[in-house]
């Protein structure tokens, strides 16, 4: 039976409370005063975070490579943050939960009163799964508008973005390019279907099936 995330299990805070305030977040349209609701260990937010986004329509070959990439990230101990909404993304969450590293789940709704699936409980109770939401308790249902706002929030607080696939003319591709232009490194899987992401810049390198695209702004930091 699914357990319910109660008020007692939830804390609320602003980005400045956990050391995430600063100009990069302002540049992404996220004010320091934004209230965030959380269930779990909020100190997970203090480390590097890889945001995970993927178009719903994803080629089969890319899906398999994505599972391999997520497994590699899990084994490397990376903290992945995302909404994990589509069936493929949810399967990636399952892969991540089999590891020992932290995972951050950000559903596109309030987490107050939300039912927690049994498969999530072990990681949550072990302090490895942090559940976040930038939405007030009145937002009890997932909507396309909330999902878009959630994606921008996730991208803003992430260190880098992992985008296995962004379909042409999709919102995922638009978000990818927007974040790239703001200096966020973009990680994808090496596949002809991802030429649109690789075309963002010539500043890139490939290793182990990954392609990492860096903006000029990010490359000058090294």
N, C-alpha and C. Protein backbone atom coordinates (compact mmCIF):
# COMPACT_ATOMS: atom_id res chain seq x y z
N UNK A 1 0.84 -1.20 0.00
CA UNK A 1 0.00 0.00 0.00
C UNK A 1 0.88 1.25 0.00
N UNK A 2 0.48 2.25 -0.80
CA UNK A 2 1.25 3.48 -0.87
C UNK A 2 1.05 4.32 0.37
N UNK A 3 2.14 4.86 0.92
CA UNK A 3 2.04 5.73 2.08
C UNK A 3 1.83 7.16 1.61
N UNK A 4 1.34 8.01 2.51
CA UNK A 4 1.05 9.39 2.18
C UNK A 4 2.11 10.29 2.78
N UNK A 5 2.58 11.26 1.98
CA UNK A 5 3.54 12.25 2.47
C UNK A 5 2.75 13.27 3.28
N UNK A 6 2.89 13.26 4.59
CA UNK A 6 2.11 14.12 5.47
C UNK A 6 2.82 15.43 5.75
N UNK A 7 2.07 16.37 6.32
CA UNK A 7 2.66 17.65 6.72
C UNK A 7 3.83 17.44 7.67
N UNK A 8 3.73 16.45 8.53
CA UNK A 8 4.76 16.21 9.54
C UNK A 8 6.09 15.84 8.91
N UNK A 9 6.05 15.26 7.71
CA UNK A 9 7.28 14.81 7.05
C UNK A 9 7.87 15.87 6.14
N UNK A 10 7.21 17.04 6.04
CA UNK A 10 7.59 18.06 5.07
C UNK A 10 8.15 19.30 5.76
N UNK A 11 9.22 19.83 5.19
CA UNK A 11 9.77 21.11 5.63
C UNK A 11 9.66 22.08 4.46
N UNK A 12 9.64 23.36 4.77
CA UNK A 12 9.62 24.38 3.72
C UNK A 12 10.75 25.35 3.97
N UNK A 13 11.31 25.88 2.90
CA UNK A 13 12.46 26.77 3.01
C UNK A 13 12.60 27.55 1.71
N UNK A 14 13.52 28.50 1.70
CA UNK A 14 13.84 29.24 0.48
C UNK A 14 15.20 28.79 -0.01
N UNK A 15 15.53 29.13 -1.25
CA UNK A 15 16.82 28.73 -1.81
C UNK A 15 17.98 29.27 -0.98
N UNK A 16 17.82 30.48 -0.45
CA UNK A 16 18.90 31.07 0.34
C UNK A 16 19.15 30.30 1.63
N UNK A 17 18.12 29.59 2.13
CA UNK A 17 18.26 28.83 3.37
C UNK A 17 19.22 27.64 3.22
N UNK A 18 19.35 27.13 1.99
CA UNK A 18 20.20 25.95 1.79
C UNK A 18 21.43 26.28 0.93
N UNK A 19 21.77 27.56 0.85
CA UNK A 19 22.99 27.95 0.15
C UNK A 19 22.92 27.87 -1.35
N UNK A 20 21.70 27.93 -1.91
CA UNK A 20 21.56 27.87 -3.36
C UNK A 20 21.23 29.23 -3.97
N UNK A 21 21.20 30.26 -3.16
CA UNK A 21 20.92 31.59 -3.69
C UNK A 21 22.11 32.12 -4.47
N UNK A 22 21.85 33.04 -5.39
CA UNK A 22 22.95 33.63 -6.15
C UNK A 22 22.53 33.98 -7.56
N UNK A 23 23.43 34.65 -8.26
CA UNK A 23 23.12 35.15 -9.60
C UNK A 23 22.75 34.06 -10.61
N UNK A 24 23.36 32.87 -10.59
CA UNK A 24 22.96 31.87 -11.57
C UNK A 24 21.48 31.52 -11.48
N UNK A 25 20.93 31.48 -10.26
CA UNK A 25 19.51 31.16 -10.11
C UNK A 25 18.65 32.34 -10.53
N UNK A 26 19.09 33.54 -10.22
CA UNK A 26 18.34 34.71 -10.67
C UNK A 26 18.28 34.73 -12.20
N UNK A 27 19.38 34.36 -12.84
CA UNK A 27 19.44 34.36 -14.30
C UNK A 27 18.47 33.35 -14.89
N UNK A 28 18.14 32.33 -14.13
CA UNK A 28 17.20 31.33 -14.59
C UNK A 28 15.78 31.63 -14.15
N UNK A 29 15.55 32.80 -13.60
CA UNK A 29 14.20 33.20 -13.23
C UNK A 29 13.71 32.60 -11.94
N UNK A 30 14.61 32.14 -11.08
CA UNK A 30 14.20 31.55 -9.80
C UNK A 30 14.63 32.49 -8.68
N UNK A 31 13.70 33.17 -8.03
CA UNK A 31 14.06 34.09 -6.95
C UNK A 31 14.51 33.37 -5.70
N UNK A 32 15.40 34.00 -4.93
CA UNK A 32 15.87 33.40 -3.68
C UNK A 32 14.73 33.18 -2.70
N UNK A 33 13.67 34.00 -2.83
CA UNK A 33 12.56 33.94 -1.89
C UNK A 33 11.56 32.82 -2.21
N UNK A 34 11.75 32.12 -3.31
CA UNK A 34 10.82 31.05 -3.67
C UNK A 34 10.73 30.01 -2.56
N UNK A 35 9.52 29.68 -2.15
CA UNK A 35 9.32 28.66 -1.12
C UNK A 35 9.33 27.28 -1.75
N UNK A 36 10.11 26.39 -1.15
CA UNK A 36 10.23 25.01 -1.63
C UNK A 36 9.78 24.09 -0.51
N UNK A 37 9.01 23.09 -0.88
CA UNK A 37 8.59 22.08 0.08
C UNK A 37 9.43 20.83 -0.15
N UNK A 38 9.87 20.20 0.93
CA UNK A 38 10.76 19.05 0.80
C UNK A 38 10.40 17.96 1.80
N UNK A 39 10.55 16.73 1.36
CA UNK A 39 10.44 15.57 2.23
C UNK A 39 11.72 14.76 2.05
N UNK A 40 12.51 14.66 3.10
CA UNK A 40 13.79 13.97 2.99
C UNK A 40 14.93 14.83 3.48
N UNK A 41 16.14 14.38 3.19
CA UNK A 41 17.35 15.05 3.67
C UNK A 41 17.73 16.20 2.74
N UNK A 42 17.50 17.44 3.15
CA UNK A 42 17.75 18.59 2.28
C UNK A 42 19.23 18.86 2.06
N UNK A 43 20.11 18.28 2.88
CA UNK A 43 21.55 18.50 2.65
C UNK A 43 22.01 17.88 1.33
N UNK A 44 21.19 17.04 0.73
CA UNK A 44 21.51 16.48 -0.59
C UNK A 44 21.63 17.60 -1.62
N UNK A 45 20.92 18.70 -1.39
CA UNK A 45 20.94 19.82 -2.34
C UNK A 45 22.29 20.52 -2.41
N UNK A 46 23.13 20.32 -1.43
CA UNK A 46 24.38 21.07 -1.34
C UNK A 46 25.43 20.59 -2.33
N UNK A 47 25.31 19.39 -2.85
CA UNK A 47 26.31 18.86 -3.78
C UNK A 47 25.95 19.11 -5.23
N UNK A 48 26.80 18.63 -6.14
CA UNK A 48 26.54 18.74 -7.57
C UNK A 48 25.33 17.91 -7.94
N UNK A 49 24.54 18.42 -8.90
CA UNK A 49 23.31 17.75 -9.30
C UNK A 49 23.19 17.70 -10.82
N UNK A 50 22.85 16.54 -11.35
CA UNK A 50 22.65 16.37 -12.78
C UNK A 50 21.16 16.29 -13.07
N UNK A 51 20.63 17.28 -13.79
CA UNK A 51 19.21 17.29 -14.13
C UNK A 51 18.95 16.35 -15.30
N UNK A 52 17.84 15.62 -15.23
CA UNK A 52 17.49 14.64 -16.25
C UNK A 52 16.20 15.04 -16.94
N UNK A 53 16.30 15.29 -18.27
CA UNK A 53 15.14 15.61 -19.09
C UNK A 53 15.19 14.76 -20.35
N UNK A 54 14.03 14.37 -20.87
CA UNK A 54 14.01 13.61 -22.12
C UNK A 54 12.65 13.78 -22.79
N UNK A 55 12.66 13.93 -24.11
CA UNK A 55 11.42 14.00 -24.86
C UNK A 55 10.65 12.69 -24.71
N UNK A 56 9.33 12.78 -24.69
CA UNK A 56 8.51 11.57 -24.55
C UNK A 56 8.70 10.63 -25.73
N UNK A 57 8.74 11.21 -26.94
CA UNK A 57 8.98 10.41 -28.14
C UNK A 57 10.48 10.23 -28.31
N UNK A 58 10.95 9.04 -27.93
CA UNK A 58 12.39 8.77 -27.91
C UNK A 58 12.70 7.51 -28.71
N UNK A 59 13.66 7.56 -29.67
CA UNK A 59 14.01 6.38 -30.46
C UNK A 59 14.45 5.20 -29.58
N UNK A 60 14.09 3.98 -30.01
CA UNK A 60 14.41 2.80 -29.22
C UNK A 60 15.88 2.66 -28.89
N UNK A 61 16.74 2.96 -29.88
CA UNK A 61 18.18 2.85 -29.65
C UNK A 61 18.66 3.82 -28.59
N UNK A 62 18.05 5.00 -28.54
CA UNK A 62 18.43 6.00 -27.55
C UNK A 62 17.97 5.57 -26.16
N UNK A 63 16.81 4.92 -26.07
CA UNK A 63 16.31 4.44 -24.78
C UNK A 63 17.29 3.46 -24.15
N UNK A 64 17.77 2.53 -24.95
CA UNK A 64 18.72 1.54 -24.42
C UNK A 64 20.01 2.22 -23.95
N UNK A 65 20.48 3.19 -24.74
CA UNK A 65 21.69 3.92 -24.36
C UNK A 65 21.45 4.75 -23.10
N UNK A 66 20.23 5.24 -22.96
CA UNK A 66 19.88 6.03 -21.77
C UNK A 66 19.94 5.17 -20.51
N UNK A 67 19.40 3.96 -20.60
CA UNK A 67 19.46 3.05 -19.46
C UNK A 67 20.91 2.77 -19.07
N UNK A 68 21.77 2.58 -20.08
CA UNK A 68 23.19 2.35 -19.80
C UNK A 68 23.83 3.58 -19.15
N UNK A 69 23.46 4.76 -19.66
CA UNK A 69 24.03 6.00 -19.13
C UNK A 69 23.59 6.25 -17.70
N UNK A 70 22.31 6.00 -17.41
CA UNK A 70 21.80 6.20 -16.06
C UNK A 70 22.45 5.21 -15.09
N UNK A 71 22.66 3.99 -15.56
CA UNK A 71 23.35 2.99 -14.73
C UNK A 71 24.77 3.45 -14.41
N UNK A 72 25.45 4.01 -15.43
CA UNK A 72 26.82 4.50 -15.22
C UNK A 72 26.84 5.66 -14.23
N UNK A 73 25.87 6.58 -14.36
CA UNK A 73 25.80 7.70 -13.43
C UNK A 73 25.54 7.23 -12.01
N UNK A 74 24.66 6.23 -11.88
CA UNK A 74 24.39 5.66 -10.57
C UNK A 74 25.66 5.07 -9.97
N UNK A 75 26.39 4.30 -10.76
CA UNK A 75 27.59 3.64 -10.25
C UNK A 75 28.70 4.64 -9.95
N UNK A 76 28.68 5.81 -10.63
CA UNK A 76 29.65 6.86 -10.36
C UNK A 76 29.29 7.66 -9.11
N UNK A 77 28.07 7.47 -8.63
CA UNK A 77 27.63 8.19 -7.43
C UNK A 77 27.06 9.56 -7.71
N UNK A 78 26.67 9.83 -8.95
CA UNK A 78 26.09 11.14 -9.27
C UNK A 78 24.70 11.29 -8.65
N UNK A 79 24.39 12.51 -8.22
CA UNK A 79 23.05 12.82 -7.76
C UNK A 79 22.25 13.32 -8.94
N UNK A 80 21.23 12.57 -9.33
CA UNK A 80 20.39 12.93 -10.47
C UNK A 80 19.09 13.51 -9.95
N UNK A 81 18.63 14.60 -10.57
CA UNK A 81 17.39 15.27 -10.18
C UNK A 81 16.47 15.36 -11.40
N UNK A 82 15.19 15.07 -11.20
CA UNK A 82 14.26 15.15 -12.32
C UNK A 82 12.83 14.89 -11.88
N UNK A 83 11.92 15.00 -12.85
CA UNK A 83 10.51 14.75 -12.58
C UNK A 83 10.14 13.29 -12.74
N UNK A 84 10.90 12.57 -13.57
CA UNK A 84 10.70 11.13 -13.78
C UNK A 84 9.22 10.82 -14.04
N UNK A 85 8.67 11.50 -15.03
CA UNK A 85 7.23 11.41 -15.28
C UNK A 85 6.85 10.33 -16.29
N UNK A 86 7.55 10.28 -17.42
CA UNK A 86 7.20 9.32 -18.46
C UNK A 86 7.60 7.91 -18.02
N UNK A 87 7.04 6.86 -18.66
CA UNK A 87 7.41 5.48 -18.30
C UNK A 87 8.91 5.23 -18.41
N UNK A 88 9.56 5.77 -19.43
CA UNK A 88 11.00 5.58 -19.58
C UNK A 88 11.77 6.27 -18.46
N UNK A 89 11.34 7.49 -18.12
CA UNK A 89 12.00 8.22 -17.04
C UNK A 89 11.80 7.52 -15.69
N UNK A 90 10.60 6.96 -15.50
CA UNK A 90 10.34 6.25 -14.24
C UNK A 90 11.22 5.01 -14.12
N UNK A 91 11.44 4.34 -15.25
CA UNK A 91 12.34 3.18 -15.23
C UNK A 91 13.76 3.62 -14.88
N UNK A 92 14.15 4.80 -15.36
CA UNK A 92 15.47 5.34 -14.99
C UNK A 92 15.54 5.62 -13.50
N UNK A 93 14.44 6.10 -12.92
CA UNK A 93 14.41 6.32 -11.47
C UNK A 93 14.59 5.01 -10.73
N UNK A 94 13.95 3.96 -11.22
CA UNK A 94 14.12 2.65 -10.60
C UNK A 94 15.57 2.19 -10.64
N UNK A 95 16.23 2.45 -11.76
CA UNK A 95 17.64 2.08 -11.88
C UNK A 95 18.47 2.85 -10.86
N UNK A 96 18.20 4.14 -10.73
CA UNK A 96 18.94 4.97 -9.79
C UNK A 96 18.73 4.52 -8.34
N UNK A 97 17.51 4.10 -8.03
CA UNK A 97 17.19 3.72 -6.66
C UNK A 97 17.87 2.42 -6.25
N UNK A 98 18.40 1.67 -7.22
CA UNK A 98 19.11 0.43 -6.89
C UNK A 98 20.53 0.71 -6.39
N UNK A 99 20.97 1.95 -6.48
CA UNK A 99 22.32 2.29 -6.04
C UNK A 99 22.35 2.76 -4.60
N UNK A 100 23.42 3.45 -4.25
CA UNK A 100 23.59 3.96 -2.89
C UNK A 100 23.68 5.48 -2.86
N UNK A 101 23.64 6.11 -4.02
CA UNK A 101 23.79 7.55 -4.14
C UNK A 101 22.45 8.26 -3.94
N UNK A 102 22.48 9.57 -3.62
CA UNK A 102 21.22 10.32 -3.46
C UNK A 102 20.50 10.50 -4.80
N UNK A 103 19.19 10.64 -4.73
CA UNK A 103 18.33 10.92 -5.88
C UNK A 103 17.34 11.99 -5.46
N UNK A 104 17.06 12.93 -6.37
CA UNK A 104 16.09 13.98 -6.07
C UNK A 104 14.93 13.89 -7.07
N UNK A 105 13.73 13.73 -6.54
CA UNK A 105 12.53 13.64 -7.38
C UNK A 105 11.71 14.90 -7.18
N UNK A 106 11.33 15.54 -8.30
CA UNK A 106 10.55 16.78 -8.26
C UNK A 106 9.28 16.60 -9.07
N UNK A 107 8.20 16.12 -8.47
CA UNK A 107 6.95 15.98 -9.21
C UNK A 107 6.35 17.34 -9.56
N UNK A 108 5.57 17.39 -10.62
CA UNK A 108 4.97 18.65 -11.08
C UNK A 108 3.64 18.90 -10.37
N UNK A 109 3.68 18.91 -9.03
CA UNK A 109 2.52 19.15 -8.18
C UNK A 109 3.02 19.34 -6.76
N UNK A 110 2.12 19.68 -5.87
CA UNK A 110 2.48 19.74 -4.45
C UNK A 110 2.74 18.33 -3.93
N UNK A 111 3.63 18.23 -2.95
CA UNK A 111 3.91 16.91 -2.38
C UNK A 111 3.12 16.68 -1.10
N UNK A 112 2.38 17.68 -0.65
CA UNK A 112 1.57 17.53 0.56
C UNK A 112 0.42 16.57 0.27
N UNK A 113 0.34 15.49 1.03
CA UNK A 113 -0.71 14.51 0.85
C UNK A 113 -0.50 13.58 -0.33
N UNK A 114 0.66 13.67 -0.98
CA UNK A 114 0.93 12.83 -2.14
C UNK A 114 1.22 11.39 -1.69
N UNK A 115 0.72 10.43 -2.44
CA UNK A 115 0.97 9.03 -2.12
C UNK A 115 2.35 8.60 -2.62
N UNK A 116 3.10 7.96 -1.77
CA UNK A 116 4.44 7.50 -2.09
C UNK A 116 4.38 6.01 -2.43
N UNK A 117 4.75 5.66 -3.66
CA UNK A 117 4.70 4.27 -4.08
C UNK A 117 5.64 3.41 -3.24
N UNK A 118 5.23 2.16 -2.98
CA UNK A 118 6.06 1.27 -2.14
C UNK A 118 7.50 1.14 -2.62
N UNK A 119 7.72 1.18 -3.94
CA UNK A 119 9.08 1.00 -4.45
C UNK A 119 10.00 2.17 -4.10
N UNK A 120 9.41 3.30 -3.70
CA UNK A 120 10.20 4.47 -3.33
C UNK A 120 10.55 4.50 -1.85
N UNK A 121 9.79 3.77 -1.06
CA UNK A 121 9.93 3.87 0.39
C UNK A 121 11.31 3.47 0.93
N UNK A 122 11.94 2.39 0.44
CA UNK A 122 13.25 2.03 1.01
C UNK A 122 14.29 3.14 0.89
N UNK A 123 14.39 3.75 -0.29
CA UNK A 123 15.36 4.83 -0.48
C UNK A 123 14.98 6.07 0.32
N UNK A 124 13.67 6.34 0.40
CA UNK A 124 13.21 7.49 1.17
C UNK A 124 13.51 7.31 2.66
N UNK A 125 13.22 6.13 3.17
CA UNK A 125 13.45 5.87 4.59
C UNK A 125 14.93 5.79 4.92
N UNK A 126 15.77 5.46 3.91
CA UNK A 126 17.22 5.41 4.12
C UNK A 126 17.87 6.79 4.00
N UNK A 127 17.07 7.81 3.65
CA UNK A 127 17.61 9.16 3.52
C UNK A 127 18.29 9.45 2.21
N UNK A 128 18.08 8.57 1.21
CA UNK A 128 18.72 8.75 -0.10
C UNK A 128 17.82 9.46 -1.09
N UNK A 129 16.52 9.40 -0.89
CA UNK A 129 15.56 10.01 -1.82
C UNK A 129 15.01 11.29 -1.21
N UNK A 130 15.30 12.40 -1.89
CA UNK A 130 14.76 13.69 -1.49
C UNK A 130 13.64 14.05 -2.47
N UNK A 131 12.48 14.40 -1.93
CA UNK A 131 11.34 14.78 -2.76
C UNK A 131 11.13 16.28 -2.59
N UNK A 132 11.16 17.00 -3.71
CA UNK A 132 11.04 18.46 -3.69
C UNK A 132 9.83 18.92 -4.48
N UNK A 133 9.33 20.10 -4.15
CA UNK A 133 8.29 20.74 -4.95
C UNK A 133 8.32 22.24 -4.74
N UNK A 134 8.28 23.03 -5.82
CA UNK A 134 8.17 24.47 -5.68
C UNK A 134 6.71 24.93 -5.71
N UNK A 135 5.76 23.98 -5.53
CA UNK A 135 4.34 24.28 -5.67
C UNK A 135 3.60 24.20 -4.34
N UNK A 136 2.68 25.14 -4.16
CA UNK A 136 1.89 25.22 -2.93
C UNK A 136 0.94 24.03 -2.81
N UNK A 137 0.47 23.75 -1.59
CA UNK A 137 -0.42 22.60 -1.36
C UNK A 137 -1.68 22.59 -2.23
N UNK A 138 -2.11 23.75 -2.71
CA UNK A 138 -3.33 23.79 -3.54
C UNK A 138 -3.15 23.11 -4.89
N UNK A 139 -1.89 22.94 -5.32
CA UNK A 139 -1.63 22.31 -6.63
C UNK A 139 -1.53 20.79 -6.43
N UNK A 140 -2.67 20.12 -6.46
CA UNK A 140 -2.71 18.69 -6.16
C UNK A 140 -2.67 17.80 -7.39
N UNK A 141 -2.77 18.39 -8.57
CA UNK A 141 -2.77 17.61 -9.80
C UNK A 141 -1.67 18.10 -10.75
N UNK A 142 -1.08 17.15 -11.46
CA UNK A 142 -0.06 17.49 -12.46
C UNK A 142 -0.72 18.12 -13.69
N UNK A 143 -0.17 19.23 -14.15
CA UNK A 143 -0.64 19.87 -15.37
C UNK A 143 0.57 20.17 -16.26
N UNK A 144 0.30 20.45 -17.55
CA UNK A 144 1.39 20.78 -18.47
C UNK A 144 2.10 22.06 -18.04
N UNK A 145 1.33 23.01 -17.52
CA UNK A 145 1.92 24.28 -17.07
C UNK A 145 2.84 24.06 -15.89
N UNK A 146 2.38 23.27 -14.92
CA UNK A 146 3.22 22.98 -13.76
C UNK A 146 4.46 22.19 -14.16
N UNK A 147 4.32 21.27 -15.13
CA UNK A 147 5.46 20.48 -15.58
C UNK A 147 6.52 21.38 -16.20
N UNK A 148 6.10 22.37 -16.97
CA UNK A 148 7.06 23.29 -17.57
C UNK A 148 7.76 24.13 -16.50
N UNK A 149 6.98 24.60 -15.52
CA UNK A 149 7.58 25.37 -14.42
C UNK A 149 8.54 24.50 -13.62
N UNK A 150 8.15 23.26 -13.38
CA UNK A 150 9.01 22.32 -12.66
C UNK A 150 10.33 22.12 -13.40
N UNK A 151 10.26 21.94 -14.70
CA UNK A 151 11.48 21.71 -15.48
C UNK A 151 12.44 22.90 -15.39
N UNK A 152 11.90 24.10 -15.41
CA UNK A 152 12.76 25.28 -15.30
C UNK A 152 13.39 25.37 -13.90
N UNK A 153 12.62 25.00 -12.90
CA UNK A 153 13.15 24.98 -11.54
C UNK A 153 14.28 23.96 -11.41
N UNK A 154 14.06 22.75 -11.92
CA UNK A 154 15.07 21.69 -11.86
C UNK A 154 16.34 22.12 -12.59
N UNK A 155 16.16 22.68 -13.79
CA UNK A 155 17.32 23.13 -14.57
C UNK A 155 18.10 24.21 -13.84
N UNK A 156 17.37 25.10 -13.15
CA UNK A 156 18.01 26.23 -12.47
C UNK A 156 18.91 25.78 -11.33
N UNK A 157 18.50 24.77 -10.57
CA UNK A 157 19.29 24.39 -9.40
C UNK A 157 20.30 23.28 -9.72
N UNK A 158 20.28 22.77 -10.96
CA UNK A 158 21.21 21.71 -11.35
C UNK A 158 22.57 22.28 -11.75
N UNK A 159 23.58 21.45 -11.64
CA UNK A 159 24.93 21.80 -12.05
C UNK A 159 25.11 21.60 -13.55
N UNK A 160 24.47 20.56 -14.08
CA UNK A 160 24.55 20.21 -15.49
C UNK A 160 23.26 19.50 -15.88
N UNK A 161 23.04 19.34 -17.20
CA UNK A 161 21.84 18.70 -17.68
C UNK A 161 22.18 17.45 -18.46
N UNK A 162 21.49 16.35 -18.17
CA UNK A 162 21.59 15.13 -18.96
C UNK A 162 20.31 15.01 -19.78
N UNK A 163 20.45 15.13 -21.10
CA UNK A 163 19.30 15.09 -22.00
C UNK A 163 19.55 14.00 -23.04
N UNK A 164 19.07 12.79 -22.80
CA UNK A 164 19.31 11.68 -23.73
C UNK A 164 18.75 11.95 -25.11
N UNK A 165 17.60 12.67 -25.17
CA UNK A 165 17.02 13.00 -26.46
C UNK A 165 16.10 14.20 -26.33
N UNK A 166 16.20 15.09 -27.30
CA UNK A 166 15.30 16.25 -27.40
C UNK A 166 14.77 16.26 -28.83
N UNK A 167 13.50 15.94 -28.99
CA UNK A 167 12.91 15.87 -30.32
C UNK A 167 12.90 17.24 -30.99
N UNK A 168 12.99 17.28 -32.31
CA UNK A 168 12.96 18.57 -33.03
C UNK A 168 11.71 19.37 -32.67
N UNK A 169 11.91 20.66 -32.47
CA UNK A 169 10.82 21.59 -32.16
C UNK A 169 10.10 21.27 -30.84
N UNK A 170 10.72 20.50 -29.98
CA UNK A 170 10.09 20.14 -28.70
C UNK A 170 10.43 21.16 -27.62
N UNK A 171 9.65 21.13 -26.54
CA UNK A 171 9.95 21.99 -25.40
C UNK A 171 11.26 21.57 -24.74
N UNK A 172 11.57 20.28 -24.82
CA UNK A 172 12.83 19.80 -24.24
C UNK A 172 14.02 20.40 -24.97
N UNK A 173 13.93 20.46 -26.32
CA UNK A 173 15.01 21.05 -27.10
C UNK A 173 15.14 22.54 -26.79
N UNK A 174 14.00 23.23 -26.68
CA UNK A 174 14.02 24.66 -26.36
C UNK A 174 14.66 24.91 -25.00
N UNK A 175 14.29 24.07 -24.01
CA UNK A 175 14.88 24.20 -22.67
C UNK A 175 16.37 23.91 -22.71
N UNK A 176 16.76 22.90 -23.48
CA UNK A 176 18.17 22.54 -23.60
C UNK A 176 18.99 23.72 -24.12
N UNK A 177 18.49 24.32 -25.20
CA UNK A 177 19.24 25.43 -25.81
C UNK A 177 19.27 26.64 -24.89
N UNK A 178 18.16 26.90 -24.22
CA UNK A 178 18.10 28.03 -23.29
C UNK A 178 19.12 27.87 -22.17
N UNK A 179 19.18 26.67 -21.58
CA UNK A 179 20.13 26.42 -20.50
C UNK A 179 21.56 26.40 -20.99
N UNK A 180 21.78 25.89 -22.19
CA UNK A 180 23.11 25.90 -22.79
C UNK A 180 23.61 27.33 -22.96
N UNK A 181 22.73 28.20 -23.45
CA UNK A 181 23.11 29.60 -23.66
C UNK A 181 23.36 30.32 -22.34
N UNK A 182 22.84 29.78 -21.24
CA UNK A 182 23.08 30.36 -19.92
C UNK A 182 24.29 29.75 -19.24
N UNK A 183 24.99 28.87 -19.96
CA UNK A 183 26.26 28.35 -19.44
C UNK A 183 26.23 26.97 -18.84
N UNK A 184 25.10 26.28 -18.90
CA UNK A 184 25.03 24.93 -18.32
C UNK A 184 25.58 23.90 -19.30
N UNK A 185 26.49 23.03 -18.85
CA UNK A 185 26.96 21.92 -19.71
C UNK A 185 25.80 20.97 -20.00
N UNK A 186 25.73 20.47 -21.22
CA UNK A 186 24.69 19.54 -21.63
C UNK A 186 25.33 18.19 -21.92
N UNK A 187 24.83 17.13 -21.27
CA UNK A 187 25.29 15.77 -21.53
C UNK A 187 24.21 15.04 -22.29
N UNK A 188 24.60 14.31 -23.34
CA UNK A 188 23.63 13.49 -24.06
C UNK A 188 24.30 12.17 -24.39
N UNK A 189 23.57 11.28 -25.07
CA UNK A 189 24.17 10.02 -25.52
C UNK A 189 24.54 10.16 -26.98
N UNK A 190 25.61 9.50 -27.37
CA UNK A 190 26.08 9.58 -28.75
C UNK A 190 25.13 8.80 -29.66
N UNK A 191 24.39 9.52 -30.49
CA UNK A 191 23.44 8.90 -31.40
C UNK A 191 23.08 9.93 -32.47
N UNK A 192 22.92 9.49 -33.73
CA UNK A 192 22.55 10.43 -34.80
C UNK A 192 21.27 11.19 -34.49
N UNK A 193 20.38 10.61 -33.69
CA UNK A 193 19.13 11.28 -33.34
C UNK A 193 19.35 12.51 -32.48
N UNK A 194 20.57 12.67 -31.95
CA UNK A 194 20.86 13.79 -31.07
C UNK A 194 21.76 14.85 -31.72
N UNK A 195 21.79 14.85 -33.03
CA UNK A 195 22.60 15.86 -33.74
C UNK A 195 22.15 17.28 -33.41
N UNK A 196 20.86 17.46 -33.11
CA UNK A 196 20.36 18.81 -32.81
C UNK A 196 20.99 19.34 -31.53
N UNK A 197 21.27 18.46 -30.56
CA UNK A 197 21.92 18.88 -29.32
C UNK A 197 23.41 19.11 -29.56
N UNK A 198 24.03 18.19 -30.29
CA UNK A 198 25.47 18.32 -30.54
C UNK A 198 25.79 19.57 -31.36
N UNK A 199 24.80 20.06 -32.13
CA UNK A 199 25.04 21.22 -32.98
C UNK A 199 25.06 22.53 -32.21
N UNK A 200 24.75 22.50 -30.90
CA UNK A 200 24.76 23.74 -30.13
C UNK A 200 26.12 24.41 -30.16
N UNK A 201 27.18 23.59 -30.15
CA UNK A 201 28.53 24.16 -30.08
C UNK A 201 29.56 23.16 -30.55
N UNK A 202 30.69 23.68 -31.00
CA UNK A 202 31.82 22.82 -31.36
C UNK A 202 32.64 22.46 -30.13
N UNK A 203 32.33 23.12 -28.99
CA UNK A 203 33.02 22.84 -27.74
C UNK A 203 32.41 21.59 -27.11
N UNK A 204 32.91 20.42 -27.47
CA UNK A 204 32.34 19.18 -26.97
C UNK A 204 33.39 18.08 -26.98
N UNK A 205 33.13 17.05 -26.22
CA UNK A 205 33.98 15.87 -26.23
C UNK A 205 33.12 14.64 -26.03
N UNK A 206 33.63 13.50 -26.50
CA UNK A 206 32.89 12.25 -26.44
C UNK A 206 33.71 11.21 -25.69
N UNK A 207 33.03 10.47 -24.82
CA UNK A 207 33.71 9.42 -24.06
C UNK A 207 32.68 8.45 -23.52
N UNK A 208 32.93 7.17 -23.70
CA UNK A 208 32.07 6.15 -23.13
C UNK A 208 30.62 6.23 -23.54
N UNK A 209 30.36 6.66 -24.77
CA UNK A 209 28.99 6.75 -25.25
C UNK A 209 28.30 8.06 -24.94
N UNK A 210 28.99 8.97 -24.22
CA UNK A 210 28.43 10.28 -23.90
C UNK A 210 28.95 11.32 -24.87
N UNK A 211 28.15 12.36 -25.11
CA UNK A 211 28.64 13.56 -25.75
C UNK A 211 28.35 14.71 -24.80
N UNK A 212 29.36 15.48 -24.46
CA UNK A 212 29.22 16.61 -23.55
C UNK A 212 29.40 17.89 -24.34
N UNK A 213 28.38 18.72 -24.34
CA UNK A 213 28.41 19.97 -25.09
C UNK A 213 28.56 21.11 -24.10
N UNK A 214 29.59 21.92 -24.29
CA UNK A 214 29.84 23.03 -23.38
C UNK A 214 29.73 24.35 -24.12
N UNK A 215 29.15 25.33 -23.44
CA UNK A 215 29.05 26.67 -24.00
C UNK A 215 30.39 27.37 -23.88
N UNK A 216 30.56 28.43 -24.63
CA UNK A 216 31.81 29.20 -24.56
C UNK A 216 31.99 29.73 -23.14
N UNK A 217 30.89 30.15 -22.51
CA UNK A 217 30.94 30.69 -21.16
C UNK A 217 31.49 29.64 -20.18
N UNK A 218 31.00 28.40 -20.30
CA UNK A 218 31.43 27.34 -19.40
C UNK A 218 32.87 26.94 -19.69
N UNK A 219 33.25 26.90 -20.98
CA UNK A 219 34.60 26.47 -21.34
C UNK A 219 35.66 27.44 -20.84
N UNK A 220 35.33 28.73 -20.74
CA UNK A 220 36.31 29.71 -20.30
C UNK A 220 36.58 29.62 -18.80
N UNK A 221 35.76 28.85 -18.07
CA UNK A 221 35.98 28.69 -16.64
C UNK A 221 37.10 27.70 -16.36
N UNK A 222 37.44 26.89 -17.34
CA UNK A 222 38.41 25.79 -17.11
C UNK A 222 39.85 26.27 -17.32
